[in-house]
Structure formats: C-alpha cells, structure tokens
Amino acid sequence: MIASPPTNEPPLAALMGKDLIRTAGFWNVVTEDYHHHQRGIFQPGLQAVWVYRFGTWSDTIRFRPLGILMKALHAAGHVFIRNVYGIELRKTVQAGRRLRIGHQSGIVVHEYAKIGDDVTIRQNVTFGVGIDWVVGEGPVIGSRVSFSPGVVVIGNVTIGDDVSIGPNCVITQDVPSNRTLFVPPPRALPKAETVKDASAG
C-alpha cells in the first residue's frame, strides 16, 4: 500500500477535455495522439483515445441534429472499445494533450478524472473513488505521469507532475511532484523454508 503526505500540487495542464478541443482543434489534438502512439493506427490504445476525443468533440457541436448523431456514433464506439479492448474511457474524463494508452485490457478511468499532458497508462490500471454516489469528483493526475501495469488509484487524490509509478502500487493519498513510487520487492525464500512455514501454519 502506497501512501504519501498530502499536497496541494499540481498545476494541471491549462486545457483538457472539451476546452482543449475547442481551443486547439480536433484534428490537431488527434494528430498529436497519433504521433505519440508511434503512428500505430491499429493500436487499441490509440483507437480508445481517438474515440474519447471524438466524444469530447461531439459535445462541442452546436447544431443539435448533428450533435445527436455524433454522440450516437461515439456511444457505439465507446461500447466497442470497452467490450473488445477492455478500456473504459468515458468522454466526461478531462484529459490533456498526448494521452497515451500503452496496452489494452483491464483499464478503467474514473468518469470524472482529470489528467494532464503526456500521461502514459498501461494495462490493468484503475482510477476510481471507491464509492458510487460521489458525482463530479475523481482523481486528479498531473502532467508527465507514467503508470506501470496494475496500478490502482483510489479516492479523490491528486498526483503531481513528473511522477513515475511502478507496477501494482495502490495509491490512496496525494503524491507530490517529482516522485517515484514502488512497492517492496518480493522476498525470495529457500524452498525448504517455504515448505516448513506452510506446515507450521
């Protein structure tokens, strides 16, 4: 279990979600995502990010009939990404530029999470709050944060900028900027001692 002292950090990326699409432009944002995924158009992570960006763009359309159509297309794409690739990334997430999902499967991002620029998420990573009735609140992730496989973020915690998180960390409190988090390595016991301990228990 990883727990760090509370902090008021980080300053998040200035533009996220719909505001990013309105200001930077849909095509500029998805082109950055494309290059940040090494132009791997068939990578599930890139497709998931693109569907997410399409959803945030659909919420900026003012012509109601077109907006309804685009939202319906996004809903279908979201279901496909979730059910086939195992990546839950709702359009209500506030994500900055160059979000990278390194691998597919077991990825759940809380619907009200805020994510800065240049964040990397790998397989079996979960952002959540632990309870269902909190609306509009979720984890706050700074910029240039790297999540290794198996990381779980629980609660309305804030993770600062430039943080590297090792595999299987469970984060329940705020993390300051410029930190590396890791769980203790497993102990290697002689096989005879392991058998003896098991018989004693």
Protein backbone atom coordinates (compact mmCIF):
# COMPACT_ATOMS: atom_id res chain seq x y z
CA MET A 1 0.00 0.00 0.00
CA ILE A 2 1.46 3.37 -1.05
CA ALA A 3 0.55 6.50 0.89
CA SER A 4 2.32 9.85 0.67
CA PRO A 5 1.84 13.09 2.57
CA PRO A 6 -0.98 15.35 1.31
CA THR A 7 -0.04 18.09 -1.13
CA ASN A 8 -1.74 20.96 -2.90
CA GLU A 9 0.00 20.14 -6.19
CA PRO A 10 -0.07 20.00 -9.18
CA PRO A 11 -0.89 22.84 -11.52
CA LEU A 12 -2.78 20.86 -14.13
CA ALA A 13 -2.48 21.32 -17.85
CA ALA A 14 -4.26 24.51 -18.84
CA LEU A 15 -6.54 22.82 -21.37
CA MET A 16 -8.34 19.49 -21.04
CA GLY A 17 -11.41 17.74 -22.43
CA LYS A 18 -13.83 19.91 -24.40
CA ASP A 19 -11.85 23.09 -23.72
CA LEU A 20 -8.80 21.51 -25.35
CA ILE A 21 -10.79 20.52 -28.43
CA ARG A 22 -12.36 23.98 -28.75
CA THR A 23 -9.04 25.80 -28.41
CA ALA A 24 -6.50 23.54 -30.13
CA GLY A 25 -8.83 21.97 -32.69
CA PHE A 26 -9.95 18.36 -33.00
CA TRP A 27 -7.58 17.40 -35.83
CA ASN A 28 -4.55 18.95 -34.17
CA VAL A 29 -5.22 17.05 -30.95
CA VAL A 30 -5.81 13.66 -32.57
CA THR A 31 -2.74 14.14 -34.79
CA GLU A 32 -0.63 14.63 -31.67
CA ASP A 33 -2.13 11.45 -30.22
CA TYR A 34 -1.31 9.62 -33.44
CA HIS A 35 2.38 10.58 -33.34
CA HIS A 36 2.58 9.95 -29.59
CA HIS A 37 1.44 6.34 -30.23
CA GLN A 38 4.25 5.89 -32.81
CA ARG A 39 1.70 6.16 -35.64
CA GLY A 40 0.25 2.79 -34.70
CA ILE A 41 -3.20 3.29 -36.12
CA PHE A 42 -4.23 -0.26 -35.19
CA GLN A 43 -3.10 0.00 -31.58
CA PRO A 44 -6.09 -0.44 -29.24
CA GLY A 45 -4.79 2.38 -27.04
CA LEU A 46 -4.74 4.89 -29.87
CA GLN A 47 -8.20 3.84 -31.02
CA ALA A 48 -9.50 4.25 -27.47
CA VAL A 49 -8.02 7.74 -27.23
CA TRP A 50 -9.45 8.69 -30.61
CA VAL A 51 -12.93 7.52 -29.64
CA TYR A 52 -12.59 9.55 -26.44
CA ARG A 53 -11.53 12.64 -28.40
CA PHE A 54 -14.43 12.13 -30.81
CA GLY A 55 -16.79 12.06 -27.82
CA THR A 56 -15.44 15.30 -26.38
CA TRP A 57 -15.68 16.89 -29.83
CA SER A 58 -19.31 15.76 -30.18
CA ASP A 59 -20.15 17.76 -27.06
CA THR A 60 -18.89 20.95 -28.73
CA ILE A 61 -21.27 20.73 -31.72
CA ARG A 62 -23.91 23.44 -31.54
CA PHE A 63 -26.12 22.19 -34.39
CA ARG A 64 -28.35 19.87 -32.38
CA PRO A 65 -29.26 17.25 -35.05
CA LEU A 66 -25.61 16.77 -35.98
CA GLY A 67 -24.63 16.68 -32.31
CA ILE A 68 -27.14 13.93 -31.58
CA LEU A 69 -25.86 11.85 -34.50
CA MET A 70 -22.22 12.25 -33.49
CA LYS A 71 -22.99 11.38 -29.86
CA ALA A 72 -24.75 8.21 -31.01
CA LEU A 73 -21.69 7.25 -33.07
CA HIS A 74 -19.46 7.91 -30.10
CA ALA A 75 -21.65 5.78 -27.83
CA ALA A 76 -21.28 2.85 -30.24
CA GLY A 77 -17.52 3.36 -30.44
CA HIS A 78 -17.23 3.57 -26.66
CA VAL A 79 -19.05 0.26 -26.21
CA PHE A 80 -16.80 -1.39 -28.79
CA ILE A 81 -13.60 -0.12 -27.12
CA ARG A 82 -14.83 -1.14 -23.66
CA ASN A 83 -16.12 -4.59 -24.59
CA VAL A 84 -13.47 -5.62 -27.12
CA TYR A 85 -10.30 -3.93 -25.82
CA GLY A 86 -11.21 -3.67 -22.14
CA ILE A 87 -10.55 0.08 -21.95
CA GLU A 88 -13.11 2.20 -20.09
CA LEU A 89 -12.52 5.86 -21.02
CA ARG A 90 -15.67 7.99 -20.93
CA LYS A 91 -15.93 11.35 -22.67
CA THR A 92 -16.56 13.02 -19.30
CA VAL A 93 -12.90 12.46 -18.40
CA GLN A 94 -10.91 15.70 -18.57
CA ALA A 95 -7.73 14.71 -20.40
CA GLY A 96 -4.95 16.90 -21.74
CA ARG A 97 -2.70 16.51 -24.76
CA ARG A 98 -0.90 13.37 -25.88
CA LEU A 99 -2.63 10.87 -23.61
CA ARG A 100 -1.00 7.50 -24.29
CA ILE A 101 -2.51 4.12 -23.50
CA GLY A 102 0.32 1.65 -23.89
CA HIS A 103 -1.58 -1.61 -23.86
CA GLN A 104 -5.14 -2.90 -23.79
CA SER A 105 -7.17 -4.79 -21.18
CA GLY A 106 -8.28 -4.03 -17.65
CA ILE A 107 -8.03 -0.22 -17.90
CA VAL A 108 -10.72 1.74 -16.05
CA VAL A 109 -10.53 5.54 -15.84
CA HIS A 110 -12.99 7.20 -13.48
CA GLU A 111 -15.52 9.23 -15.44
CA TYR A 112 -14.63 12.47 -13.62
CA ALA A 113 -10.85 12.03 -13.56
CA LYS A 114 -8.66 14.95 -14.60
CA ILE A 115 -5.49 14.05 -16.48
CA GLY A 116 -2.68 16.40 -17.53
CA ASP A 117 -0.47 16.31 -20.62
CA ASP A 118 1.82 13.47 -21.70
CA VAL A 119 0.40 10.84 -19.34
CA THR A 120 1.03 7.15 -20.07
CA ILE A 121 -1.38 4.44 -18.84
CA ARG A 122 -0.58 0.75 -19.17
CA GLN A 123 -2.64 -2.41 -18.75
CA ASN A 124 -4.69 -3.21 -15.63
CA VAL A 125 -4.64 0.38 -14.34
CA THR A 126 -7.68 1.66 -12.44
CA PHE A 127 -8.65 5.19 -11.41
CA GLY A 128 -11.61 5.22 -9.02
CA VAL A 129 -13.10 6.86 -5.94
CA GLY A 130 -14.25 3.72 -4.15
CA ILE A 131 -17.87 4.86 -3.81
CA ASP A 132 -20.61 5.31 -6.38
CA TRP A 133 -22.53 8.31 -5.11
CA VAL A 134 -19.82 10.97 -5.50
CA VAL A 135 -20.70 12.93 -8.64
CA GLY A 136 -18.27 15.26 -10.40
CA GLU A 137 -15.21 14.24 -8.37
CA GLY A 138 -12.39 11.90 -9.23
CA PRO A 139 -8.60 11.54 -9.17
CA VAL A 140 -6.51 14.46 -10.41
CA ILE A 141 -3.41 13.45 -12.37
CA GLY A 142 -0.64 15.89 -13.26
CA SER A 143 1.41 16.04 -16.44
CA ARG A 144 4.12 13.58 -17.49
CA VAL A 145 2.92 10.86 -15.14
CA SER A 146 3.69 7.24 -16.04
CA PHE A 147 1.53 4.39 -14.73
CA SER A 148 3.02 0.90 -14.81
CA PRO A 149 0.81 -2.21 -15.06
CA GLY A 150 -1.50 -2.97 -12.14
CA VAL A 151 -1.61 0.49 -10.54
CA VAL A 152 -4.78 1.36 -8.61
CA VAL A 153 -5.65 4.95 -7.68
CA ILE A 154 -8.47 5.12 -5.13
CA GLY A 155 -10.13 8.29 -3.84
CA ASN A 156 -10.16 11.94 -4.85
CA VAL A 157 -6.39 12.05 -4.69
CA THR A 158 -4.01 14.38 -6.52
CA ILE A 159 -0.87 13.07 -8.21
CA GLY A 160 1.69 15.75 -9.07
CA ASP A 161 3.67 16.32 -12.24
CA ASP A 162 6.61 14.14 -13.31
CA VAL A 163 5.68 11.11 -11.22
CA SER A 164 6.67 7.55 -12.17
CA ILE A 165 4.57 4.80 -10.58
CA GLY A 166 5.84 1.23 -10.51
CA PRO A 167 3.80 -1.94 -11.02
CA ASN A 168 0.99 -2.88 -8.63
CA CYS A 169 1.09 0.27 -6.50
CA VAL A 170 -2.12 1.16 -4.63
CA ILE A 171 -2.39 4.92 -4.15
CA THR A 172 -4.82 6.27 -1.55
CA GLN A 173 -3.32 9.68 -0.69
CA ASP A 174 -1.89 12.66 -2.56
CA VAL A 175 1.51 12.29 -4.20
CA PRO A 176 3.85 15.32 -4.60
CA SER A 177 5.50 16.13 -7.91
CA ASN A 178 8.84 14.60 -8.97
CA ARG A 179 8.45 11.29 -7.16
CA THR A 180 8.97 7.63 -7.99
CA LEU A 181 6.63 5.17 -6.30
CA PHE A 182 7.17 1.44 -5.99
CA VAL A 183 6.08 -1.47 -3.82
CA PRO A 184 8.65 -3.51 -1.86
CA PRO A 185 10.17 -6.33 -3.92
CA PRO A 186 9.04 -9.88 -3.10
CA ARG A 187 11.21 -11.95 -0.77
CA ALA A 188 13.00 -14.99 -2.18
CA LEU A 189 12.90 -17.77 0.43
CA PRO A 190 14.64 -21.15 0.17
CA LYS A 191 12.20 -23.80 -0.94
CA ALA A 192 12.71 -25.96 2.20
CA GLU A 193 11.95 -22.95 4.42
CA THR A 194 8.83 -22.21 2.45
CA VAL A 195 7.54 -25.78 2.94
CA LYS A 196 8.37 -25.60 6.64
CA ASP A 197 6.50 -22.33 7.09
CA ALA A 198 3.47 -23.75 5.32
CA SER A 199 3.40 -26.85 7.52
CA ALA A 200 3.76 -24.76 10.66
CA GLY A 201 0.72 -22.69 9.69
